[in-house]
């Protein structure tokens, strides 16, 4: 993890004695939303549908749905629109995913260490 640092440029202080200030705001984790907060978040109907599919899939199977699974549940054939909706939900902060990894979509309140 990269930490933002800022070295002091005070005159008369040798390089070996410079202070390093760490920007702790950049290193702290964001607080994840709870399940209730995610469900109350303002979303479009398509976004709410995708969020509920991912949420119910996790509750039923304890693993992530693929984009194809989400599209099939929605009754759609194309994956592009489903991918865009998932990306918007990630930006909104109700879903998390890893780029380039299959089946990594999950609601933000689900932690891998304490699955039900």
PDB file of N, CA and C in Angstrom:
ATOM      1  N   UNK A   1       0.847  -1.169   0.000  1.00  0.00           N
ATOM      2  CA  UNK A   1       0.000   0.000   0.000  1.00  0.00           C
ATOM      3  C   UNK A   1       0.891   1.229   0.000  1.00  0.00           C
ATOM      4  N   UNK A   2       0.579   2.151  -0.876  1.00  0.00           N
ATOM      5  CA  UNK A   2       1.379   3.348  -0.990  1.00  0.00           C
ATOM      6  C   UNK A   2       0.863   4.400  -0.019  1.00  0.00           C
ATOM      7  N   UNK A   3       1.760   5.031   0.689  1.00  0.00           N
ATOM      8  CA  UNK A   3       1.397   6.051   1.671  1.00  0.00           C
ATOM      9  C   UNK A   3       1.876   7.392   1.158  1.00  0.00           C
ATOM     10  N   UNK A   4       0.977   8.384   1.182  1.00  0.00           N
ATOM     11  CA  UNK A   4       1.374   9.719   0.775  1.00  0.00           C
ATOM     12  C   UNK A   4       2.221  10.338   1.868  1.00  0.00           C
ATOM     13  N   UNK A   5       3.402  10.787   1.502  1.00  0.00           N
ATOM     14  CA  UNK A   5       4.284  11.412   2.470  1.00  0.00           C
ATOM     15  C   UNK A   5       4.688  12.780   1.969  1.00  0.00           C
ATOM     16  N   UNK A   6       5.103  13.618   2.895  1.00  0.00           N
ATOM     17  CA  UNK A   6       5.546  14.957   2.551  1.00  0.00           C
ATOM     18  C   UNK A   6       6.761  15.259   3.402  1.00  0.00           C
ATOM     19  N   UNK A   7       7.889  15.438   2.751  1.00  0.00           N
ATOM     20  CA  UNK A   7       9.111  15.729   3.483  1.00  0.00           C
ATOM     21  C   UNK A   7       9.201  17.220   3.752  1.00  0.00           C
ATOM     22  N   UNK A   8       9.690  17.577   4.933  1.00  0.00           N
ATOM     23  CA  UNK A   8       9.846  18.992   5.254  1.00  0.00           C
ATOM     24  C   UNK A   8      11.080  19.527   4.546  1.00  0.00           C
ATOM     25  N   UNK A   9      10.992  20.725   4.058  1.00  0.00           N
ATOM     26  CA  UNK A   9      12.093  21.370   3.346  1.00  0.00           C
ATOM     27  C   UNK A   9      12.619  22.558   4.146  1.00  0.00           C
ATOM     28  N   UNK A  10      12.684  22.389   5.451  1.00  0.00           N
ATOM     29  CA  UNK A  10      13.151  23.473   6.312  1.00  0.00           C
ATOM     30  C   UNK A  10      14.651  23.675   6.120  1.00  0.00           C
ATOM     31  N   UNK A  11      15.080  24.919   5.981  1.00  0.00           N
ATOM     32  CA  UNK A  11      16.502  25.176   5.780  1.00  0.00           C
ATOM     33  C   UNK A  11      17.292  24.868   7.044  1.00  0.00           C
ATOM     34  N   UNK A  12      18.491  24.389   6.878  1.00  0.00           N
ATOM     35  CA  UNK A  12      19.372  24.126   8.004  1.00  0.00           C
ATOM     36  C   UNK A  12      19.228  22.750   8.610  1.00  0.00           C
ATOM     37  N   UNK A  13      18.289  21.945   8.153  1.00  0.00           N
ATOM     38  CA  UNK A  13      18.101  20.593   8.688  1.00  0.00           C
ATOM     39  C   UNK A  13      18.714  19.621   7.692  1.00  0.00           C
ATOM     40  N   UNK A  14      19.650  18.788   8.141  1.00  0.00           N
ATOM     41  CA  UNK A  14      20.258  17.827   7.215  1.00  0.00           C
ATOM     42  C   UNK A  14      19.232  16.799   6.733  1.00  0.00           C
ATOM     43  N   UNK A  15      19.537  16.199   5.579  1.00  0.00           N
ATOM     44  CA  UNK A  15      18.617  15.225   4.982  1.00  0.00           C
ATOM     45  C   UNK A  15      18.301  14.066   5.913  1.00  0.00           C
ATOM     46  N   UNK A  16      19.241  13.662   6.729  1.00  0.00           N
ATOM     47  CA  UNK A  16      19.024  12.516   7.611  1.00  0.00           C
ATOM     48  C   UNK A  16      18.071  12.840   8.752  1.00  0.00           C
ATOM     49  N   UNK A  17      17.809  14.122   9.026  1.00  0.00           N
ATOM     50  CA  UNK A  17      16.950  14.497  10.152  1.00  0.00           C
ATOM     51  C   UNK A  17      15.628  15.094   9.713  1.00  0.00           C
ATOM     52  N   UNK A  18      15.298  14.985   8.446  1.00  0.00           N
ATOM     53  CA  UNK A  18      14.020  15.526   7.964  1.00  0.00           C
ATOM     54  C   UNK A  18      12.861  14.737   8.532  1.00  0.00           C
ATOM     55  N   UNK A  19      11.806  15.457   8.834  1.00  0.00           N
ATOM     56  CA  UNK A  19      10.588  14.803   9.321  1.00  0.00           C
ATOM     57  C   UNK A  19       9.764  14.318   8.135  1.00  0.00           C
ATOM     58  N   UNK A  20       9.133  13.186   8.305  1.00  0.00           N
ATOM     59  CA  UNK A  20       8.226  12.666   7.291  1.00  0.00           C
ATOM     60  C   UNK A  20       6.832  12.698   7.879  1.00  0.00           C
ATOM     61  N   UNK A  21       5.935  13.429   7.209  1.00  0.00           N
ATOM     62  CA  UNK A  21       4.556  13.513   7.662  1.00  0.00           C
ATOM     63  C   UNK A  21       3.719  12.554   6.818  1.00  0.00           C
ATOM     64  N   UNK A  22       2.984  11.709   7.482  1.00  0.00           N
ATOM     65  CA  UNK A  22       2.150  10.733   6.791  1.00  0.00           C
ATOM     66  C   UNK A  22       0.730  11.258   6.751  1.00  0.00           C
ATOM     67  N   UNK A  23       0.130  11.202   5.593  1.00  0.00           N
ATOM     68  CA  UNK A  23      -1.255  11.615   5.432  1.00  0.00           C
ATOM     69  C   UNK A  23      -2.144  10.433   5.823  1.00  0.00           C
ATOM     70  N   UNK A  24      -2.568  10.397   7.077  1.00  0.00           N
ATOM     71  CA  UNK A  24      -3.342   9.253   7.581  1.00  0.00           C
ATOM     72  C   UNK A  24      -4.725   9.170   6.962  1.00  0.00           C
ATOM     73  N   UNK A  25      -5.250  10.258   6.458  1.00  0.00           N
ATOM     74  CA  UNK A  25      -6.551  10.213   5.798  1.00  0.00           C
ATOM     75  C   UNK A  25      -6.545   9.338   4.566  1.00  0.00           C
ATOM     76  N   UNK A  26      -5.398   9.227   3.922  1.00  0.00           N
ATOM     77  CA  UNK A  26      -5.298   8.401   2.727  1.00  0.00           C
ATOM     78  C   UNK A  26      -5.097   6.926   3.063  1.00  0.00           C
ATOM     79  N   UNK A  27      -4.651   6.609   4.265  1.00  0.00           N
ATOM     80  CA  UNK A  27      -4.354   5.227   4.612  1.00  0.00           C
ATOM     81  C   UNK A  27      -5.485   4.540   5.362  1.00  0.00           C
ATOM     82  N   UNK A  28      -6.453   5.300   5.880  1.00  0.00           N
ATOM     83  CA  UNK A  28      -7.532   4.692   6.645  1.00  0.00           C
ATOM     84  C   UNK A  28      -8.551   4.066   5.706  1.00  0.00           C
ATOM     85  N   UNK A  29      -9.148   2.960   6.138  1.00  0.00           N
ATOM     86  CA  UNK A  29     -10.183   2.303   5.357  1.00  0.00           C
ATOM     87  C   UNK A  29     -11.474   3.094   5.443  1.00  0.00           C
ATOM     88  N   UNK A  30     -12.233   3.063   4.335  1.00  0.00           N
ATOM     89  CA  UNK A  30     -13.542   3.697   4.363  1.00  0.00           C
ATOM     90  C   UNK A  30     -14.494   2.797   5.152  1.00  0.00           C
ATOM     91  N   UNK A  31     -15.406   3.421   5.855  1.00  0.00           N
ATOM     92  CA  UNK A  31     -16.402   2.637   6.567  1.00  0.00           C
ATOM     93  C   UNK A  31     -17.397   2.079   5.561  1.00  0.00           C
ATOM     94  N   UNK A  32     -17.577   0.782   5.581  1.00  0.00           N
ATOM     95  CA  UNK A  32     -18.514   0.135   4.673  1.00  0.00           C
ATOM     96  C   UNK A  32     -19.942   0.425   5.123  1.00  0.00           C
ATOM     97  N   UNK A  33     -20.814   0.529   4.165  1.00  0.00           N
ATOM     98  CA  UNK A  33     -22.224   0.741   4.459  1.00  0.00           C
ATOM     99  C   UNK A  33     -22.825  -0.541   5.018  1.00  0.00           C
ATOM    100  N   UNK A  34     -23.840  -0.396   5.833  1.00  0.00           N
ATOM    101  CA  UNK A  34     -24.547  -1.566   6.352  1.00  0.00           C
ATOM    102  C   UNK A  34     -25.558  -2.039   5.307  1.00  0.00           C
ATOM    103  N   UNK A  35     -26.167  -3.182   5.558  1.00  0.00           N
ATOM    104  CA  UNK A  35     -27.156  -3.721   4.631  1.00  0.00           C
ATOM    105  C   UNK A  35     -28.350  -2.784   4.502  1.00  0.00           C
ATOM    106  N   UNK A  36     -28.794  -2.222   5.607  1.00  0.00           N
ATOM    107  CA  UNK A  36     -29.943  -1.308   5.587  1.00  0.00           C
ATOM    108  C   UNK A  36     -29.600  -0.046   4.799  1.00  0.00           C
ATOM    109  N   UNK A  37     -28.390   0.499   5.008  1.00  0.00           N
ATOM    110  CA  UNK A  37     -27.982   1.700   4.283  1.00  0.00           C
ATOM    111  C   UNK A  37     -27.882   1.437   2.783  1.00  0.00           C
ATOM    112  N   UNK A  38     -27.423   0.255   2.408  1.00  0.00           N
ATOM    113  CA  UNK A  38     -27.340  -0.088   0.987  1.00  0.00           C
ATOM    114  C   UNK A  38     -28.727  -0.186   0.362  1.00  0.00           C
ATOM    115  N   UNK A  39     -29.648  -0.808   1.078  1.00  0.00           N
ATOM    116  CA  UNK A  39     -31.004  -0.961   0.538  1.00  0.00           C
ATOM    117  C   UNK A  39     -31.740   0.368   0.454  1.00  0.00           C
ATOM    118  N   UNK A  40     -31.400   1.332   1.331  1.00  0.00           N
ATOM    119  CA  UNK A  40     -32.058   2.636   1.309  1.00  0.00           C
ATOM    120  C   UNK A  40     -31.394   3.621   0.356  1.00  0.00           C
ATOM    121  N   UNK A  41     -30.259   3.248  -0.224  1.00  0.00           N
ATOM    122  CA  UNK A  41     -29.540   4.119  -1.144  1.00  0.00           C
ATOM    123  C   UNK A  41     -30.404   4.378  -2.379  1.00  0.00           C
ATOM    124  N   UNK A  42     -30.355   5.599  -2.879  1.00  0.00           N
ATOM    125  CA  UNK A  42     -31.139   5.946  -4.061  1.00  0.00           C
ATOM    126  C   UNK A  42     -30.464   5.375  -5.301  1.00  0.00           C
ATOM    127  N   UNK A  43     -31.199   4.513  -6.028  1.00  0.00           N
ATOM    128  CA  UNK A  43     -30.688   3.851  -7.228  1.00  0.00           C
ATOM    129  C   UNK A  43     -31.770   3.858  -8.288  1.00  0.00           C
ATOM    130  N   UNK A  44     -31.348   3.679  -9.532  1.00  0.00           N
ATOM    131  CA  UNK A  44     -32.317   3.512 -10.613  1.00  0.00           C
ATOM    132  C   UNK A  44     -32.940   2.119 -10.487  1.00  0.00           C
ATOM    133  N   UNK A  45     -34.070   1.875 -11.151  1.00  0.00           N
ATOM    134  CA  UNK A  45     -34.675   0.532 -11.063  1.00  0.00           C
ATOM    135  C   UNK A  45     -33.751  -0.590 -11.545  1.00  0.00           C
ATOM    136  N   UNK A  46     -32.989  -0.350 -12.603  1.00  0.00           N
ATOM    137  CA  UNK A  46     -32.068  -1.377 -13.097  1.00  0.00           C
ATOM    138  C   UNK A  46     -30.938  -1.620 -12.095  1.00  0.00           C
ATOM    139  N   UNK A  47     -30.431  -0.552 -11.482  1.00  0.00           N
ATOM    140  CA  UNK A  47     -29.378  -0.704 -10.480  1.00  0.00           C
ATOM    141  C   UNK A  47     -29.894  -1.453  -9.269  1.00  0.00           C
ATOM    142  N   UNK A  48     -31.102  -1.124  -8.819  1.00  0.00           N
ATOM    143  CA  UNK A  48     -31.677  -1.822  -7.662  1.00  0.00           C
ATOM    144  C   UNK A  48     -31.866  -3.304  -7.979  1.00  0.00           C
ATOM    145  N   UNK A  49     -32.300  -3.612  -9.204  1.00  0.00           N
ATOM    146  CA  UNK A  49     -32.499  -4.998  -9.604  1.00  0.00           C
ATOM    147  C   UNK A  49     -31.168  -5.772  -9.557  1.00  0.00           C
ATOM    148  N   UNK A  50     -30.105  -5.185 -10.096  1.00  0.00           N
ATOM    149  CA  UNK A  50     -28.795  -5.849 -10.091  1.00  0.00           C
ATOM    150  C   UNK A  50     -28.284  -6.003  -8.659  1.00  0.00           C
ATOM    151  N   UNK A  51     -28.435  -4.951  -7.838  1.00  0.00           N
ATOM    152  CA  UNK A  51     -27.990  -5.049  -6.448  1.00  0.00           C
ATOM    153  C   UNK A  51     -28.720  -6.161  -5.716  1.00  0.00           C
ATOM    154  N   UNK A  52     -30.031  -6.264  -5.889  1.00  0.00           N
ATOM    155  CA  UNK A  52     -30.803  -7.311  -5.205  1.00  0.00           C
ATOM    156  C   UNK A  52     -30.425  -8.706  -5.701  1.00  0.00           C
ATOM    157  N   UNK A  53     -30.110  -8.840  -6.994  1.00  0.00           N
ATOM    158  CA  UNK A  53     -29.677 -10.134  -7.523  1.00  0.00           C
ATOM    159  C   UNK A  53     -28.369 -10.556  -6.862  1.00  0.00           C
ATOM    160  N   UNK A  54     -27.408  -9.628  -6.783  1.00  0.00           N
ATOM    161  CA  UNK A  54     -26.110  -9.949  -6.165  1.00  0.00           C
ATOM    162  C   UNK A  54     -26.300 -10.278  -4.684  1.00  0.00           C
ATOM    163  N   UNK A  55     -27.120  -9.490  -3.998  1.00  0.00           N
ATOM    164  CA  UNK A  55     -27.361  -9.697  -2.572  1.00  0.00           C
ATOM    165  C   UNK A  55     -28.003 -11.056  -2.307  1.00  0.00           C
ATOM    166  N   UNK A  56     -29.049 -11.381  -3.043  1.00  0.00           N
ATOM    167  CA  UNK A  56     -29.725 -12.664  -2.849  1.00  0.00           C
ATOM    168  C   UNK A  56     -28.830 -13.835  -3.260  1.00  0.00           C
ATOM    169  N   UNK A  57     -28.031 -13.669  -4.297  1.00  0.00           N
ATOM    170  CA  UNK A  57     -27.119 -14.728  -4.728  1.00  0.00           C
ATOM    171  C   UNK A  57     -26.129 -15.063  -3.613  1.00  0.00           C
ATOM    172  N   UNK A  58     -25.582 -14.000  -2.977  1.00  0.00           N
ATOM    173  CA  UNK A  58     -24.647 -14.229  -1.866  1.00  0.00           C
ATOM    174  C   UNK A  58     -25.337 -14.929  -0.703  1.00  0.00           C
ATOM    175  N   UNK A  59     -26.553 -14.532  -0.393  1.00  0.00           N
ATOM    176  CA  UNK A  59     -27.275 -15.147   0.730  1.00  0.00           C
ATOM    177  C   UNK A  59     -27.620 -16.605   0.443  1.00  0.00           C
ATOM    178  N   UNK A  60     -27.904 -16.921  -0.815  1.00  0.00           N
ATOM    179  CA  UNK A  60     -28.301 -18.279  -1.153  1.00  0.00           C
ATOM    180  C   UNK A  60     -27.108 -19.212  -1.354  1.00  0.00           C
ATOM    181  N   UNK A  61     -26.084 -18.761  -2.099  1.00  0.00           N
ATOM    182  CA  UNK A  61     -25.000 -19.657  -2.505  1.00  0.00           C
ATOM    183  C   UNK A  61     -23.666 -19.397  -1.811  1.00  0.00           C
ATOM    184  N   UNK A  62     -23.516 -18.280  -1.097  1.00  0.00           N
ATOM    185  CA  UNK A  62     -22.276 -17.894  -0.417  1.00  0.00           C
ATOM    186  C   UNK A  62     -21.084 -17.712  -1.360  1.00  0.00           C
ATOM    187  N   UNK A  63     -21.334 -17.333  -2.596  1.00  0.00           N
ATOM    188  CA  UNK A  63     -20.284 -16.908  -3.514  1.00  0.00           C
ATOM    189  C   UNK A  63     -20.885 -15.929  -4.504  1.00  0.00           C
ATOM    190  N   UNK A  64     -20.018 -15.299  -5.274  1.00  0.00           N
ATOM    191  CA  UNK A  64     -20.443 -14.226  -6.167  1.00  0.00           C
ATOM    192  C   UNK A  64     -21.054 -14.748  -7.460  1.00  0.00           C
ATOM    193  N   UNK A  65     -22.044 -14.045  -7.990  1.00  0.00           N
ATOM    194  CA  UNK A  65     -22.548 -14.390  -9.316  1.00  0.00           C
ATOM    195  C   UNK A  65     -21.604 -13.842 -10.386  1.00  0.00           C
ATOM    196  N   UNK A  66     -21.566 -14.487 -11.532  1.00  0.00           N
ATOM    197  CA  UNK A  66     -20.809 -13.939 -12.659  1.00  0.00           C
ATOM    198  C   UNK A  66     -21.688 -12.911 -13.369  1.00  0.00           C
ATOM    199  N   UNK A  67     -21.104 -12.145 -14.262  1.00  0.00           N
ATOM    200  CA  UNK A  67     -21.903 -11.185 -15.036  1.00  0.00           C
ATOM    201  C   UNK A  67     -22.966 -11.907 -15.854  1.00  0.00           C
ATOM    202  N   UNK A  68     -22.619 -13.074 -16.366  1.00  0.00           N
ATOM    203  CA  UNK A  68     -23.593 -13.848 -17.140  1.00  0.00           C
ATOM    204  C   UNK A  68     -24.759 -14.312 -16.254  1.00  0.00           C
ATOM    205  N   UNK A  69     -24.487 -14.705 -15.014  1.00  0.00           N
ATOM    206  CA  UNK A  69     -25.552 -15.090 -14.087  1.00  0.00           C
ATOM    207  C   UNK A  69     -26.488 -13.913 -13.814  1.00  0.00           C
ATOM    208  N   UNK A  70     -25.908 -12.731 -13.609  1.00  0.00           N
ATOM    209  CA  UNK A  70     -26.717 -11.539 -13.340  1.00  0.00           C
ATOM    210  C   UNK A  70     -27.582 -11.206 -14.548  1.00  0.00           C
ATOM    211  N   UNK A  71     -26.979 -11.243 -15.752  1.00  0.00           N
ATOM    212  CA  UNK A  71     -27.724 -10.940 -16.973  1.00  0.00           C
ATOM    213  C   UNK A  71     -28.859 -11.943 -17.184  1.00  0.00           C
ATOM    214  N   UNK A  72     -28.596 -13.234 -16.939  1.00  0.00           N
ATOM    215  CA  UNK A  72     -29.647 -14.250 -17.097  1.00  0.00           C
ATOM    216  C   UNK A  72     -30.774 -14.044 -16.105  1.00  0.00           C
ATOM    217  N   UNK A  73     -30.464 -13.679 -14.878  1.00  0.00           N
ATOM    218  CA  UNK A  73     -31.505 -13.413 -13.876  1.00  0.00           C
ATOM    219  C   UNK A  73     -32.359 -12.215 -14.272  1.00  0.00           C
ATOM    220  N   UNK A  74     -31.755 -11.243 -14.939  1.00  0.00           N
ATOM    221  CA  UNK A  74     -32.482 -10.063 -15.386  1.00  0.00           C
ATOM    222  C   UNK A  74     -33.280 -10.332 -16.648  1.00  0.00           C
ATOM    223  N   UNK A  75     -33.021 -11.466 -17.316  1.00  0.00           N
ATOM    224  CA  UNK A  75     -33.708 -11.778 -18.564  1.00  0.00           C
ATOM    225  C   UNK A  75     -33.088 -11.072 -19.754  1.00  0.00           C
ATOM    226  N   UNK A  76     -31.824 -10.685 -19.643  1.00  0.00           N
ATOM    227  CA  UNK A  76     -31.121  -9.979 -20.710  1.00  0.00           C
ATOM    228  C   UNK A  76     -30.091 -10.907 -21.334  1.00  0.00           C
ATOM    229  N   UNK A  77     -29.719 -10.611 -22.574  1.00  0.00           N
ATOM    230  CA  UNK A  77     -28.714 -11.425 -23.257  1.00  0.00           C
ATOM    231  C   UNK A  77     -27.334 -10.771 -23.229  1.00  0.00           C
ATOM    232  N   UNK A  78     -27.284  -9.438 -23.334  1.00  0.00           N
ATOM    233  CA  UNK A  78     -26.001  -8.745 -23.417  1.00  0.00           C
ATOM    234  C   UNK A  78     -25.349  -8.568 -22.058  1.00  0.00           C
ATOM    235  N   UNK A  79     -24.013  -8.652 -22.054  1.00  0.00           N
ATOM    236  CA  UNK A  79     -23.267  -8.489 -20.812  1.00  0.00           C
ATOM    237  C   UNK A  79     -22.756  -7.066 -20.624  1.00  0.00           C
ATOM    238  N   UNK A  80     -22.703  -6.285 -21.700  1.00  0.00           N
ATOM    239  CA  UNK A  80     -22.148  -4.938 -21.627  1.00  0.00           C
ATOM    240  C   UNK A  80     -22.932  -4.023 -20.699  1.00  0.00           C
ATOM    241  N   UNK A  81     -24.249  -4.021 -20.837  1.00  0.00           N
ATOM    242  CA  UNK A  81     -25.081  -3.168 -19.989  1.00  0.00           C
ATOM    243  C   UNK A  81     -25.026  -3.624 -18.541  1.00  0.00           C
ATOM    244  N   UNK A  82     -25.023  -4.919 -18.321  1.00  0.00           N
ATOM    245  CA  UNK A  82     -24.917  -5.443 -16.953  1.00  0.00           C
ATOM    246  C   UNK A  82     -23.582  -5.049 -16.339  1.00  0.00           C
ATOM    247  N   UNK A  83     -22.515  -5.096 -17.116  1.00  0.00           N
ATOM    248  CA  UNK A  83     -21.201  -4.686 -16.631  1.00  0.00           C
ATOM    249  C   UNK A  83     -21.190  -3.206 -16.263  1.00  0.00           C
ATOM    250  N   UNK A  84     -21.812  -2.370 -17.082  1.00  0.00           N
ATOM    251  CA  UNK A  84     -21.877  -0.926 -16.798  1.00  0.00           C
ATOM    252  C   UNK A  84     -22.672  -0.653 -15.523  1.00  0.00           C
ATOM    253  N   UNK A  85     -23.758  -1.369 -15.318  1.00  0.00           N
ATOM    254  CA  UNK A  85     -24.559  -1.183 -14.111  1.00  0.00           C
ATOM    255  C   UNK A  85     -23.765  -1.590 -12.876  1.00  0.00           C
ATOM    256  N   UNK A  86     -23.049  -2.711 -12.962  1.00  0.00           N
ATOM    257  CA  UNK A  86     -22.219  -3.151 -11.835  1.00  0.00           C
ATOM    258  C   UNK A  86     -21.144  -2.111 -11.537  1.00  0.00           C
ATOM    259  N   UNK A  87     -20.514  -1.566 -12.580  1.00  0.00           N
ATOM    260  CA  UNK A  87     -19.489  -0.541 -12.374  1.00  0.00           C
ATOM    261  C   UNK A  87     -20.065   0.715 -11.730  1.00  0.00           C
ATOM    262  N   UNK A  88     -21.277   1.095 -12.109  1.00  0.00           N
ATOM    263  CA  UNK A  88     -21.926   2.251 -11.477  1.00  0.00           C
ATOM    264  C   UNK A  88     -22.237   1.979 -10.010  1.00  0.00           C
ATOM    265  N   UNK A  89     -22.636   0.753  -9.698  1.00  0.00           N
ATOM    266  CA  UNK A  89     -22.916   0.408  -8.302  1.00  0.00           C
ATOM    267  C   UNK A  89     -21.635   0.388  -7.472  1.00  0.00           C
ATOM    268  N   UNK A  90     -20.518   0.026  -8.091  1.00  0.00           N
ATOM    269  CA  UNK A  90     -19.227   0.079  -7.390  1.00  0.00           C
ATOM    270  C   UNK A  90     -18.880   1.536  -7.084  1.00  0.00           C
ATOM    271  N   UNK A  91     -19.071   2.423  -8.072  1.00  0.00           N
ATOM    272  CA  UNK A  91     -18.806   3.848  -7.851  1.00  0.00           C
ATOM    273  C   UNK A  91     -19.749   4.447  -6.821  1.00  0.00           C
ATOM    274  N   UNK A  92     -20.973   3.955  -6.781  1.00  0.00           N
ATOM    275  CA  UNK A  92     -21.953   4.422  -5.805  1.00  0.00           C
ATOM    276  C   UNK A  92     -21.589   3.977  -4.397  1.00  0.00           C
ATOM    277  N   UNK A  93     -20.861   2.850  -4.295  1.00  0.00           N
ATOM    278  CA  UNK A  93     -20.380   2.391  -2.998  1.00  0.00           C
ATOM    279  C   UNK A  93     -21.181   1.280  -2.363  1.00  0.00           C
ATOM    280  N   UNK A  94     -22.060   0.626  -3.113  1.00  0.00           N
ATOM    281  CA  UNK A  94     -22.847  -0.463  -2.533  1.00  0.00           C
ATOM    282  C   UNK A  94     -22.320  -1.845  -2.924  1.00  0.00           C
ATOM    283  N   UNK A  95     -21.492  -1.911  -3.971  1.00  0.00           N
ATOM    284  CA  UNK A  95     -20.867  -3.171  -4.380  1.00  0.00           C
ATOM    285  C   UNK A  95     -19.359  -2.999  -4.409  1.00  0.00           C
ATOM    286  N   UNK A  96     -18.652  -4.119  -4.269  1.00  0.00           N
ATOM    287  CA  UNK A  96     -17.203  -4.175  -4.441  1.00  0.00           C
ATOM    288  C   UNK A  96     -16.893  -5.243  -5.458  1.00  0.00           C
ATOM    289  N   UNK A  97     -15.798  -5.048  -6.200  1.00  0.00           N
ATOM    290  CA  UNK A  97     -15.354  -6.074  -7.133  1.00  0.00           C
ATOM    291  C   UNK A  97     -13.878  -5.877  -7.416  1.00  0.00           C
ATOM    292  N   UNK A  98     -13.232  -6.940  -7.870  1.00  0.00           N
ATOM    293  CA  UNK A  98     -11.842  -6.891  -8.295  1.00  0.00           C
ATOM    294  C   UNK A  98     -11.820  -6.922  -9.815  1.00  0.00           C
ATOM    295  N   UNK A  99     -11.110  -5.977 -10.422  1.00  0.00           N
ATOM    296  CA  UNK A  99     -11.006  -5.957 -11.873  1.00  0.00           C
ATOM    297  C   UNK A  99     -10.184  -7.136 -12.356  1.00  0.00           C
ATOM    298  N   UNK A 100     -10.675  -7.791 -13.391  1.00  0.00           N
ATOM    299  CA  UNK A 100      -9.947  -8.914 -13.976  1.00  0.00           C
ATOM    300  C   UNK A 100     -10.127 -10.230 -13.250  1.00  0.00           C
ATOM    301  N   UNK A 101     -10.900 -10.243 -12.178  1.00  0.00           N
ATOM    302  CA  UNK A 101     -11.129 -11.479 -11.428  1.00  0.00           C
ATOM    303  C   UNK A 101     -12.585 -11.901 -11.594  1.00  0.00           C
ATOM    304  N   UNK A 102     -12.803 -13.129 -11.971  1.00  0.00           N
ATOM    305  CA  UNK A 102     -14.157 -13.630 -12.125  1.00  0.00           C
ATOM    306  C   UNK A 102     -14.823 -13.878 -10.773  1.00  0.00           C
ATOM    307  N   UNK A 103     -16.094 -13.668 -10.733  1.00  0.00           N
ATOM    308  CA  UNK A 103     -16.904 -13.905  -9.529  1.00  0.00           C
ATOM    309  C   UNK A 103     -16.364 -13.182  -8.296  1.00  0.00           C
ATOM    310  N   UNK A 104     -16.077 -11.911  -8.450  1.00  0.00           N
ATOM    311  CA  UNK A 104     -15.574 -11.123  -7.320  1.00  0.00           C
ATOM    312  C   UNK A 104     -16.542 -10.028  -6.901  1.00  0.00           C
ATOM    313  N   UNK A 105     -17.740 -10.008  -7.453  1.00  0.00           N
ATOM    314  CA  UNK A 105     -18.727  -8.969  -7.129  1.00  0.00           C
ATOM    315  C   UNK A 105     -19.402  -9.338  -5.815  1.00  0.00           C
ATOM    316  N   UNK A 106     -19.460  -8.359  -4.888  1.00  0.00           N
ATOM    317  CA  UNK A 106     -20.126  -8.615  -3.614  1.00  0.00           C
ATOM    318  C   UNK A 106     -20.637  -7.308  -3.035  1.00  0.00           C
ATOM    319  N   UNK A 107     -21.675  -7.364  -2.204  1.00  0.00           N
ATOM    320  CA  UNK A 107     -22.102  -6.166  -1.478  1.00  0.00           C
ATOM    321  C   UNK A 107     -21.018  -5.738  -0.495  1.00  0.00           C
ATOM    322  N   UNK A 108     -20.941  -4.450  -0.195  1.00  0.00           N
ATOM    323  CA  UNK A 108     -19.862  -3.940   0.646  1.00  0.00           C
ATOM    324  C   UNK A 108     -19.948  -4.444   2.081  1.00  0.00           C
ATOM    325  N   UNK A 109     -21.120  -4.825   2.544  1.00  0.00           N
ATOM    326  CA  UNK A 109     -21.255  -5.237   3.944  1.00  0.00           C
ATOM    327  C   UNK A 109     -20.914  -6.709   4.156  1.00  0.00           C
ATOM    328  N   UNK A 110     -20.621  -7.455   3.120  1.00  0.00           N
ATOM    329  CA  UNK A 110     -20.243  -8.865   3.266  1.00  0.00           C
ATOM    330  C   UNK A 110     -18.727  -8.946   3.368  1.00  0.00           C
ATOM    331  N   UNK A 111     -18.241  -9.476   4.472  1.00  0.00           N
ATOM    332  CA  UNK A 111     -16.818  -9.707   4.658  1.00  0.00           C
ATOM    333  C   UNK A 111     -16.556 -11.189   4.510  1.00  0.00           C
ATOM    334  N   UNK A 112     -15.419 -11.534   3.923  1.00  0.00           N
ATOM    335  CA  UNK A 112     -15.127 -12.934   3.676  1.00  0.00           C
ATOM    336  C   UNK A 112     -14.874 -13.708   4.958  1.00  0.00           C
ATOM    337  N   UNK A 113     -14.471 -13.062   6.019  1.00  0.00           N
ATOM    338  CA  UNK A 113     -14.118 -13.768   7.248  1.00  0.00           C
ATOM    339  C   UNK A 113     -15.328 -14.140   8.091  1.00  0.00           C
ATOM    340  N   UNK A 114     -16.446 -13.434   7.906  1.00  0.00           N
ATOM    341  CA  UNK A 114     -17.605 -13.728   8.751  1.00  0.00           C
ATOM    342  C   UNK A 114     -18.857 -13.940   7.918  1.00  0.00           C
ATOM    343  N   UNK A 115     -18.770 -14.831   6.932  1.00  0.00           N
ATOM    344  CA  UNK A 115     -19.950 -15.163   6.146  1.00  0.00           C
ATOM    345  C   UNK A 115     -20.944 -15.931   6.993  1.00  0.00           C
ATOM    346  N   UNK A 116     -22.218 -15.720   6.739  1.00  0.00           N
ATOM    347  CA  UNK A 116     -23.253 -16.424   7.512  1.00  0.00           C
ATOM    348  C   UNK A 116     -23.337 -17.881   7.113  1.00  0.00           C
TER     349      UNK A 116
END
